[in-house]
Amino acid sequence: MIRSAGLLVIASIAPLLAEPRADAEQTSQRLAGHELEVLEVRTPWFRVRGQDGYEGWVHAGYVRAMAAREIARRYAGPRTSLGCVAITGDGRRRALPLGALLADDETVESGEVVGAGALRTRFPRDPAAAAETALARFEAAPYQWGGITPWGVDCSGMVQTVFGLHGFALPRDAWQQAEIGTVVDPAPDSLVAGDLLFFSSREDRRVTHVAIALGDARAVHSAIGRGGWSVERLTTEDPYVVTMRARITGARRLTRQR
């Protein structure tokens, strides 16, 4: 059930920006059907907080103020897009990315959706299954700073989205994700599918990048140096991978069961 927060995202994707201006840096995104808590208003901009606690500025054109009871009525049985084209109640066609929510009066023209009741069965709370989702759902996704969908995604955005589908509520940024779970040996041969592997390109070793281990010394990530989604064998002497290995700062393992 969507929580009452004041604003509902009505666009397929709503950019969250670092400042209240159109040319500001995109820091994250929020998707159709998700609510935002209003923290500050500078018309036509809102400083908002998403359900993951991440804050940013969103333009009024992407959202609509709506009473909690109206949202509850429209999303009594929310369905999650796995990538679809839907027809709204007033007849408009719109494409919805992975993770967007469909209102009850929307019909699916093409693509896939999954109901709330089936979400746990389709996407079990298992880190290894989340790794498989990263492979299947983000293949060929281009890199986009602040992106969280297969239409454009950054490293931590992919991790947050795929693990969120599998019931793990992870924070937005890689450095925050590096504080979740149990510390494990980051050696490529020691990692199992679903482990999170962290990297730093900074002198102070603050985490700047995250990848999802696949087992067999492989990992999947979204990186600007690869143009987006990429699967790496971490033991090769490819110059890009050699640099990755030198930047490893640690690894974490999430618990399978609640």
C-alpha atoms as a PDB file:
ATOM      1  CA  MET A   1       0.000   0.000   0.000  1.00  0.00           C
ATOM      2  CA  ILE A   2       1.278   3.471  -0.870  1.00  0.00           C
ATOM      3  CA  ARG A   3       1.812   5.664   2.175  1.00  0.00           C
ATOM      4  CA  SER A   4       0.222   9.048   2.494  1.00  0.00           C
ATOM      5  CA  ALA A   5       2.793  11.724   1.711  1.00  0.00           C
ATOM      6  CA  GLY A   6       1.157  14.520  -0.272  1.00  0.00           C
ATOM      7  CA  LEU A   7       2.346  14.173  -3.868  1.00  0.00           C
ATOM      8  CA  LEU A   8       1.816  11.349  -6.351  1.00  0.00           C
ATOM      9  CA  VAL A   9       4.148  10.856  -9.324  1.00  0.00           C
ATOM     10  CA  ILE A  10       2.014  10.965 -12.486  1.00  0.00           C
ATOM     11  CA  ALA A  11       4.783  10.925 -15.113  1.00  0.00           C
ATOM     12  CA  SER A  12       6.392   7.622 -16.086  1.00  0.00           C
ATOM     13  CA  ILE A  13       9.639   8.922 -14.563  1.00  0.00           C
ATOM     14  CA  ALA A  14      10.107  12.009 -12.398  1.00  0.00           C
ATOM     15  CA  PRO A  15      13.716  13.263 -12.125  1.00  0.00           C
ATOM     16  CA  LEU A  16      14.942  14.220  -8.670  1.00  0.00           C
ATOM     17  CA  LEU A  17      17.362  17.128  -8.997  1.00  0.00           C
ATOM     18  CA  ALA A  18      20.030  18.528  -6.721  1.00  0.00           C
ATOM     19  CA  GLU A  19      18.614  22.070  -7.007  1.00  0.00           C
ATOM     20  CA  PRO A  20      15.260  23.629  -7.996  1.00  0.00           C
ATOM     21  CA  ARG A  21      16.139  24.403 -11.607  1.00  0.00           C
ATOM     22  CA  ALA A  22      15.737  22.437 -14.825  1.00  0.00           C
ATOM     23  CA  ASP A  23      19.464  22.265 -15.632  1.00  0.00           C
ATOM     24  CA  ALA A  24      20.473  20.975 -12.187  1.00  0.00           C
ATOM     25  CA  GLU A  25      22.151  17.604 -11.669  1.00  0.00           C
ATOM     26  CA  GLN A  26      19.805  14.608 -11.605  1.00  0.00           C
ATOM     27  CA  THR A  27      20.532  12.700  -8.404  1.00  0.00           C
ATOM     28  CA  SER A  28      17.799  10.056  -8.608  1.00  0.00           C
ATOM     29  CA  GLN A  29      14.342   9.349 -10.032  1.00  0.00           C
ATOM     30  CA  ARG A  30      10.879   8.421  -8.821  1.00  0.00           C
ATOM     31  CA  LEU A  31       8.392   6.438 -10.844  1.00  0.00           C
ATOM     32  CA  ALA A  32       4.682   6.590 -11.683  1.00  0.00           C
ATOM     33  CA  GLY A  33       2.373   5.673  -8.829  1.00  0.00           C
ATOM     34  CA  HIS A  34       4.880   6.337  -6.056  1.00  0.00           C
ATOM     35  CA  GLU A  35       4.321   8.941  -3.371  1.00  0.00           C
ATOM     36  CA  LEU A  36       6.605  11.730  -2.245  1.00  0.00           C
ATOM     37  CA  GLU A  37       6.707  13.603   1.040  1.00  0.00           C
ATOM     38  CA  VAL A  38       6.878  17.381   0.599  1.00  0.00           C
ATOM     39  CA  LEU A  39       9.654  19.043   2.602  1.00  0.00           C
ATOM     40  CA  GLU A  40       9.770  22.503   1.010  1.00  0.00           C
ATOM     41  CA  VAL A  41       7.964  24.436  -1.724  1.00  0.00           C
ATOM     42  CA  ARG A  42       9.492  26.936  -4.150  1.00  0.00           C
ATOM     43  CA  THR A  43       6.787  27.122  -6.796  1.00  0.00           C
ATOM     44  CA  PRO A  44       6.870  25.362  -9.235  1.00  0.00           C
ATOM     45  CA  TRP A  45       9.384  23.126  -7.434  1.00  0.00           C
ATOM     46  CA  PHE A  46       9.026  20.796  -4.459  1.00  0.00           C
ATOM     47  CA  ARG A  47      11.810  19.457  -2.287  1.00  0.00           C
ATOM     48  CA  VAL A  48      10.669  15.929  -1.566  1.00  0.00           C
ATOM     49  CA  ARG A  49      11.628  12.707   0.158  1.00  0.00           C
ATOM     50  CA  GLY A  50      10.934   9.284  -1.346  1.00  0.00           C
ATOM     51  CA  GLN A  51      10.123   6.094   0.500  1.00  0.00           C
ATOM     52  CA  ASP A  52      13.836   5.240   0.566  1.00  0.00           C
ATOM     53  CA  GLY A  53      14.573   8.460   2.476  1.00  0.00           C
ATOM     54  CA  TYR A  54      16.352  10.037  -0.493  1.00  0.00           C
ATOM     55  CA  GLU A  55      15.673  13.741  -1.005  1.00  0.00           C
ATOM     56  CA  GLY A  56      15.694  16.000  -4.055  1.00  0.00           C
ATOM     57  CA  TRP A  57      13.789  18.607  -6.040  1.00  0.00           C
ATOM     58  CA  VAL A  58      10.963  17.675  -8.418  1.00  0.00           C
ATOM     59  CA  HIS A  59       9.058  19.961 -10.779  1.00  0.00           C
ATOM     60  CA  ALA A  60       5.290  20.276 -10.351  1.00  0.00           C
ATOM     61  CA  GLY A  61       4.755  18.996 -13.891  1.00  0.00           C
ATOM     62  CA  TYR A  62       5.742  15.470 -12.843  1.00  0.00           C
ATOM     63  CA  VAL A  63       3.476  15.165  -9.806  1.00  0.00           C
ATOM     64  CA  ARG A  64      -0.018  15.822  -8.542  1.00  0.00           C
ATOM     65  CA  ALA A  65      -1.258  16.697  -5.065  1.00  0.00           C
ATOM     66  CA  MET A  66      -3.798  14.115  -4.007  1.00  0.00           C
ATOM     67  CA  ALA A  67      -5.618  13.246  -0.803  1.00  0.00           C
ATOM     68  CA  ALA A  68      -4.568  10.038   0.911  1.00  0.00           C
ATOM     69  CA  ARG A  69      -8.017   8.499   0.538  1.00  0.00           C
ATOM     70  CA  GLU A  70      -8.033   9.219  -3.199  1.00  0.00           C
ATOM     71  CA  ILE A  71      -4.656   7.564  -3.635  1.00  0.00           C
ATOM     72  CA  ALA A  72      -5.827   4.564  -1.629  1.00  0.00           C
ATOM     73  CA  ARG A  73      -8.912   4.328  -3.832  1.00  0.00           C
ATOM     74  CA  ARG A  74      -6.979   4.567  -7.099  1.00  0.00           C
ATOM     75  CA  TYR A  75      -4.289   2.117  -5.987  1.00  0.00           C
ATOM     76  CA  ALA A  76      -6.331  -0.357  -3.936  1.00  0.00           C
ATOM     77  CA  GLY A  77      -4.676  -3.247  -5.788  1.00  0.00           C
ATOM     78  CA  PRO A  78      -1.436  -1.809  -7.143  1.00  0.00           C
ATOM     79  CA  ARG A  79       0.378  -3.622  -9.926  1.00  0.00           C
ATOM     80  CA  THR A  80       4.077  -3.242 -10.637  1.00  0.00           C
ATOM     81  CA  SER A  81       5.289  -2.732 -14.176  1.00  0.00           C
ATOM     82  CA  LEU A  82       7.983  -5.064 -15.417  1.00  0.00           C
ATOM     83  CA  GLY A  83       8.129  -2.912 -18.543  1.00  0.00           C
ATOM     84  CA  CYS A  84       4.772  -2.274 -20.195  1.00  0.00           C
ATOM     85  CA  VAL A  85       2.543   0.032 -22.199  1.00  0.00           C
ATOM     86  CA  ALA A  86      -0.654   0.931 -20.354  1.00  0.00           C
ATOM     87  CA  ILE A  87      -3.862   2.790 -21.172  1.00  0.00           C
ATOM     88  CA  THR A  88      -4.978   5.188 -18.455  1.00  0.00           C
ATOM     89  CA  GLY A  89      -8.576   5.543 -17.323  1.00  0.00           C
ATOM     90  CA  ASP A  90      -8.989   8.628 -19.535  1.00  0.00           C
ATOM     91  CA  GLY A  91      -7.637   6.833 -22.605  1.00  0.00           C
ATOM     92  CA  ARG A  92      -4.023   8.011 -22.697  1.00  0.00           C
ATOM     93  CA  ARG A  93      -1.315   5.538 -23.698  1.00  0.00           C
ATOM     94  CA  ARG A  94       1.929   5.577 -21.750  1.00  0.00           C
ATOM     95  CA  ALA A  95       5.039   3.444 -21.446  1.00  0.00           C
ATOM     96  CA  LEU A  96       5.960   2.496 -17.884  1.00  0.00           C
ATOM     97  CA  PRO A  97       9.415   1.298 -16.837  1.00  0.00           C
ATOM     98  CA  LEU A  98      10.315  -1.505 -14.476  1.00  0.00           C
ATOM     99  CA  GLY A  99       9.142  -0.586 -10.971  1.00  0.00           C
ATOM    100  CA  ALA A 100       6.366   1.881 -11.848  1.00  0.00           C
ATOM    101  CA  LEU A 101       2.919   1.281 -10.336  1.00  0.00           C
ATOM    102  CA  LEU A 102      -0.304   1.046 -12.326  1.00  0.00           C
ATOM    103  CA  ALA A 103      -3.538   2.548 -11.008  1.00  0.00           C
ATOM    104  CA  ASP A 104      -6.551   0.257 -10.782  1.00  0.00           C
ATOM    105  CA  ASP A 105      -8.253   1.868 -13.795  1.00  0.00           C
ATOM    106  CA  GLU A 106      -5.257   1.342 -16.107  1.00  0.00           C
ATOM    107  CA  THR A 107      -5.275  -1.511 -18.609  1.00  0.00           C
ATOM    108  CA  VAL A 108      -2.203  -3.195 -20.034  1.00  0.00           C
ATOM    109  CA  GLU A 109      -1.782  -2.963 -23.785  1.00  0.00           C
ATOM    110  CA  SER A 110       1.538  -4.794 -23.964  1.00  0.00           C
ATOM    111  CA  GLY A 111       4.397  -5.923 -21.769  1.00  0.00           C
ATOM    112  CA  GLU A 112       4.322  -7.379 -18.267  1.00  0.00           C
ATOM    113  CA  VAL A 113       2.896  -6.393 -14.896  1.00  0.00           C
ATOM    114  CA  VAL A 114       2.686  -8.270 -11.611  1.00  0.00           C
ATOM    115  CA  GLY A 115       0.159  -7.838  -8.821  1.00  0.00           C
ATOM    116  CA  ALA A 116       1.182  -7.122  -5.247  1.00  0.00           C
ATOM    117  CA  GLY A 117       0.184 -10.602  -4.124  1.00  0.00           C
ATOM    118  CA  ALA A 118       2.348 -12.309  -6.732  1.00  0.00           C
ATOM    119  CA  LEU A 119       5.359 -10.016  -6.372  1.00  0.00           C
ATOM    120  CA  ARG A 120       6.975 -12.028  -3.572  1.00  0.00           C
ATOM    121  CA  THR A 121       6.522 -15.294  -5.461  1.00  0.00           C
ATOM    122  CA  ARG A 122       7.867 -13.860  -8.707  1.00  0.00           C
ATOM    123  CA  PHE A 123      10.758 -12.091  -6.972  1.00  0.00           C
ATOM    124  CA  PRO A 124      11.715 -14.103  -3.854  1.00  0.00           C
ATOM    125  CA  ARG A 125      13.778 -12.555  -1.074  1.00  0.00           C
ATOM    126  CA  ASP A 126      17.019 -14.150  -2.198  1.00  0.00           C
ATOM    127  CA  PRO A 127      20.178 -12.204  -3.146  1.00  0.00           C
ATOM    128  CA  ALA A 128      21.080 -14.783  -5.798  1.00  0.00           C
ATOM    129  CA  ALA A 129      17.662 -14.282  -7.407  1.00  0.00           C
ATOM    130  CA  ALA A 130      18.257 -10.503  -7.351  1.00  0.00           C
ATOM    131  CA  ALA A 131      21.501 -11.069  -9.260  1.00  0.00           C
ATOM    132  CA  GLU A 132      19.551 -12.992 -11.900  1.00  0.00           C
ATOM    133  CA  THR A 133      17.063 -10.124 -12.146  1.00  0.00           C
ATOM    134  CA  ALA A 134      19.939  -7.704 -12.782  1.00  0.00           C
ATOM    135  CA  LEU A 135      21.025  -9.938 -15.657  1.00  0.00           C
ATOM    136  CA  ALA A 136      17.566 -10.433 -17.130  1.00  0.00           C
ATOM    137  CA  ARG A 137      15.928  -7.040 -16.587  1.00  0.00           C
ATOM    138  CA  PHE A 138      18.809  -4.611 -17.153  1.00  0.00           C
ATOM    139  CA  GLU A 139      20.637  -6.195 -20.072  1.00  0.00           C
ATOM    140  CA  ALA A 140      21.833  -3.472 -22.490  1.00  0.00           C
ATOM    141  CA  ALA A 141      20.570  -0.658 -20.205  1.00  0.00           C
ATOM    142  CA  PRO A 142      22.528   2.561 -20.906  1.00  0.00           C
ATOM    143  CA  TYR A 143      24.358   4.393 -18.146  1.00  0.00           C
ATOM    144  CA  GLN A 144      22.582   7.437 -16.733  1.00  0.00           C
ATOM    145  CA  TRP A 145      23.679   9.293 -13.614  1.00  0.00           C
ATOM    146  CA  GLY A 146      20.766   9.183 -11.172  1.00  0.00           C
ATOM    147  CA  GLY A 147      18.824   6.610 -13.225  1.00  0.00           C
ATOM    148  CA  ILE A 148      16.988   3.690 -11.628  1.00  0.00           C
ATOM    149  CA  THR A 149      15.359   1.895 -14.583  1.00  0.00           C
ATOM    150  CA  PRO A 150      16.439  -0.089 -17.666  1.00  0.00           C
ATOM    151  CA  TRP A 151      15.787   3.102 -19.664  1.00  0.00           C
ATOM    152  CA  GLY A 152      18.935   4.525 -18.041  1.00  0.00           C
ATOM    153  CA  VAL A 153      20.605   3.534 -14.781  1.00  0.00           C
ATOM    154  CA  ASP A 154      23.638   4.122 -12.592  1.00  0.00           C
ATOM    155  CA  CYS A 155      25.402   1.507 -10.482  1.00  0.00           C
ATOM    156  CA  SER A 156      23.561   1.978  -7.201  1.00  0.00           C
ATOM    157  CA  GLY A 157      20.270   2.632  -8.972  1.00  0.00           C
ATOM    158  CA  MET A 158      20.360  -0.835 -10.520  1.00  0.00           C
ATOM    159  CA  VAL A 159      21.262  -2.395  -7.185  1.00  0.00           C
ATOM    160  CA  GLN A 160      18.470  -0.565  -5.367  1.00  0.00           C
ATOM    161  CA  THR A 161      15.855  -1.441  -7.996  1.00  0.00           C
ATOM    162  CA  VAL A 162      16.622  -5.142  -8.386  1.00  0.00           C
ATOM    163  CA  PHE A 163      17.014  -5.784  -4.669  1.00  0.00           C
ATOM    164  CA  GLY A 164      13.868  -3.735  -3.998  1.00  0.00           C
ATOM    165  CA  LEU A 165      11.886  -6.053  -6.281  1.00  0.00           C
ATOM    166  CA  HIS A 166      13.155  -8.935  -4.160  1.00  0.00           C
ATOM    167  CA  GLY A 167      12.096  -7.391  -0.854  1.00  0.00           C
ATOM    168  CA  PHE A 168      15.345  -5.712   0.206  1.00  0.00           C
ATOM    169  CA  ALA A 169      14.835  -2.001   0.945  1.00  0.00           C
ATOM    170  CA  LEU A 170      18.317  -0.671   0.213  1.00  0.00           C
ATOM    171  CA  PRO A 171      19.390   2.985   0.411  1.00  0.00           C
ATOM    172  CA  ARG A 172      20.056   4.886  -2.807  1.00  0.00           C
ATOM    173  CA  ASP A 173      23.809   5.542  -2.919  1.00  0.00           C
ATOM    174  CA  ALA A 174      26.670   3.040  -3.171  1.00  0.00           C
ATOM    175  CA  TRP A 175      28.387   4.354  -0.024  1.00  0.00           C
ATOM    176  CA  GLN A 176      25.150   3.815   1.909  1.00  0.00           C
ATOM    177  CA  GLN A 177      24.675   0.334   0.481  1.00  0.00           C
ATOM    178  CA  ALA A 178      28.209  -0.480   1.645  1.00  0.00           C
ATOM    179  CA  GLU A 179      26.968  -0.250   5.241  1.00  0.00           C
ATOM    180  CA  ILE A 180      24.212  -2.878   4.833  1.00  0.00           C
ATOM    181  CA  GLY A 181      24.592  -6.614   5.438  1.00  0.00           C
ATOM    182  CA  THR A 182      27.507  -8.726   6.635  1.00  0.00           C
ATOM    183  CA  VAL A 183      31.123  -8.077   5.694  1.00  0.00           C
ATOM    184  CA  VAL A 184      32.599 -10.867   3.529  1.00  0.00           C
ATOM    185  CA  ASP A 185      35.894 -11.501   1.770  1.00  0.00           C
ATOM    186  CA  PRO A 186      35.939  -9.311  -1.368  1.00  0.00           C
ATOM    187  CA  ALA A 187      38.282 -11.624  -3.277  1.00  0.00           C
ATOM    188  CA  PRO A 188      36.526 -12.390  -6.602  1.00  0.00           C
ATOM    189  CA  ASP A 189      36.788 -16.168  -6.096  1.00  0.00           C
ATOM    190  CA  SER A 190      35.204 -15.892  -2.620  1.00  0.00           C
ATOM    191  CA  LEU A 191      32.035 -14.083  -3.662  1.00  0.00           C
ATOM    192  CA  VAL A 192      28.707 -15.815  -4.172  1.00  0.00           C
ATOM    193  CA  ALA A 193      25.804 -14.723  -6.353  1.00  0.00           C
ATOM    194  CA  GLY A 194      24.057 -11.702  -4.824  1.00  0.00           C
ATOM    195  CA  ASP A 195      27.004 -10.377  -2.823  1.00  0.00           C
ATOM    196  CA  LEU A 196      27.584  -6.649  -3.247  1.00  0.00           C
ATOM    197  CA  LEU A 197      31.110  -5.642  -4.236  1.00  0.00           C
ATOM    198  CA  PHE A 198      32.250  -2.066  -3.590  1.00  0.00           C
ATOM    199  CA  PHE A 199      34.876   0.138  -5.208  1.00  0.00           C
ATOM    200  CA  SER A 200      36.418   3.586  -4.796  1.00  0.00           C
ATOM    201  CA  SER A 201      38.060   5.913  -7.293  1.00  0.00           C
ATOM    202  CA  ARG A 202      38.913   8.427  -4.540  1.00  0.00           C
ATOM    203  CA  GLU A 203      42.097   8.884  -2.551  1.00  0.00           C
ATOM    204  CA  ASP A 204      40.165   8.670   0.719  1.00  0.00           C
ATOM    205  CA  ARG A 205      38.646   5.303  -0.393  1.00  0.00           C
ATOM    206  CA  ARG A 206      35.073   6.471   0.095  1.00  0.00           C
ATOM    207  CA  VAL A 207      32.849   4.093  -1.870  1.00  0.00           C
ATOM    208  CA  THR A 208      31.904   5.396  -5.324  1.00  0.00           C
ATOM    209  CA  HIS A 209      30.754   2.260  -7.166  1.00  0.00           C
ATOM    210  CA  VAL A 210      28.924  -1.033  -6.576  1.00  0.00           C
ATOM    211  CA  ALA A 211      28.530  -4.272  -8.516  1.00  0.00           C
ATOM    212  CA  ILE A 212      26.530  -7.444  -7.919  1.00  0.00           C
ATOM    213  CA  ALA A 213      28.486 -10.685  -7.757  1.00  0.00           C
ATOM    214  CA  LEU A 214      27.285 -13.532  -9.965  1.00  0.00           C
ATOM    215  CA  GLY A 215      29.559 -16.271  -8.630  1.00  0.00           C
ATOM    216  CA  ASP A 216      32.408 -17.854 -10.584  1.00  0.00           C
ATOM    217  CA  ALA A 217      34.411 -14.610 -10.188  1.00  0.00           C
ATOM    218  CA  ARG A 218      31.916 -12.647 -12.282  1.00  0.00           C
ATOM    219  CA  ALA A 219      29.927  -9.504 -11.502  1.00  0.00           C
ATOM    220  CA  VAL A 220      27.283  -7.350 -13.169  1.00  0.00           C
ATOM    221  CA  HIS A 221      27.181  -3.567 -12.868  1.00  0.00           C
ATOM    222  CA  SER A 222      26.281  -0.339 -14.635  1.00  0.00           C
ATOM    223  CA  ALA A 223      29.324   1.796 -15.330  1.00  0.00           C
ATOM    224  CA  ILE A 224      30.004   4.863 -17.429  1.00  0.00           C
ATOM    225  CA  GLY A 225      33.274   3.268 -18.528  1.00  0.00           C
ATOM    226  CA  ARG A 226      31.255   0.482 -20.152  1.00  0.00           C
ATOM    227  CA  GLY A 227      28.462   2.758 -21.364  1.00  0.00           C
ATOM    228  CA  GLY A 228      26.001   1.018 -19.025  1.00  0.00           C
ATOM    229  CA  TRP A 229      25.145  -2.559 -18.070  1.00  0.00           C
ATOM    230  CA  SER A 230      28.076  -4.942 -18.250  1.00  0.00           C
ATOM    231  CA  VAL A 231      29.114  -8.367 -16.993  1.00  0.00           C
ATOM    232  CA  GLU A 232      32.762  -8.662 -15.961  1.00  0.00           C
ATOM    233  CA  ARG A 233      34.999 -11.627 -15.238  1.00  0.00           C
ATOM    234  CA  LEU A 234      36.950 -10.181 -12.345  1.00  0.00           C
ATOM    235  CA  THR A 235      40.053 -12.341 -12.772  1.00  0.00           C
ATOM    236  CA  THR A 236      40.923 -11.291 -16.329  1.00  0.00           C
ATOM    237  CA  GLU A 237      43.773  -8.981 -17.318  1.00  0.00           C
ATOM    238  CA  ASP A 238      41.510  -6.672 -19.305  1.00  0.00           C
ATOM    239  CA  PRO A 239      42.810  -3.165 -18.430  1.00  0.00           C
ATOM    240  CA  TYR A 240      39.373  -2.010 -17.316  1.00  0.00           C
ATOM    241  CA  VAL A 241      38.990  -4.994 -14.972  1.00  0.00           C
ATOM    242  CA  VAL A 242      42.541  -4.589 -13.645  1.00  0.00           C
ATOM    243  CA  THR A 243      41.599  -1.058 -12.614  1.00  0.00           C
ATOM    244  CA  MET A 244      38.375  -2.338 -11.044  1.00  0.00           C
ATOM    245  CA  ARG A 245      40.273  -4.862  -8.926  1.00  0.00           C
ATOM    246  CA  ALA A 246      42.644  -2.168  -7.678  1.00  0.00           C
ATOM    247  CA  ARG A 247      39.660  -0.113  -6.547  1.00  0.00           C
ATOM    248  CA  ILE A 248      37.882  -2.825  -4.514  1.00  0.00           C
ATOM    249  CA  THR A 249      37.156  -1.633  -0.972  1.00  0.00           C
ATOM    250  CA  GLY A 250      35.034  -4.487   0.392  1.00  0.00           C
ATOM    251  CA  ALA A 251      31.983  -6.686  -0.032  1.00  0.00           C
ATOM    252  CA  ARG A 252      28.732  -7.304   1.803  1.00  0.00           C
ATOM    253  CA  ARG A 253      26.285 -10.205   1.919  1.00  0.00           C
ATOM    254  CA  LEU A 254      22.559  -9.762   2.537  1.00  0.00           C
ATOM    255  CA  THR A 255      20.405 -12.252   4.418  1.00  0.00           C
ATOM    256  CA  ARG A 256      18.125 -14.392   2.286  1.00  0.00           C
ATOM    257  CA  GLN A 257      15.202 -14.699   4.696  1.00  0.00           C
ATOM    258  CA  ARG A 258      13.394 -11.974   6.605  1.00  0.00           C
END
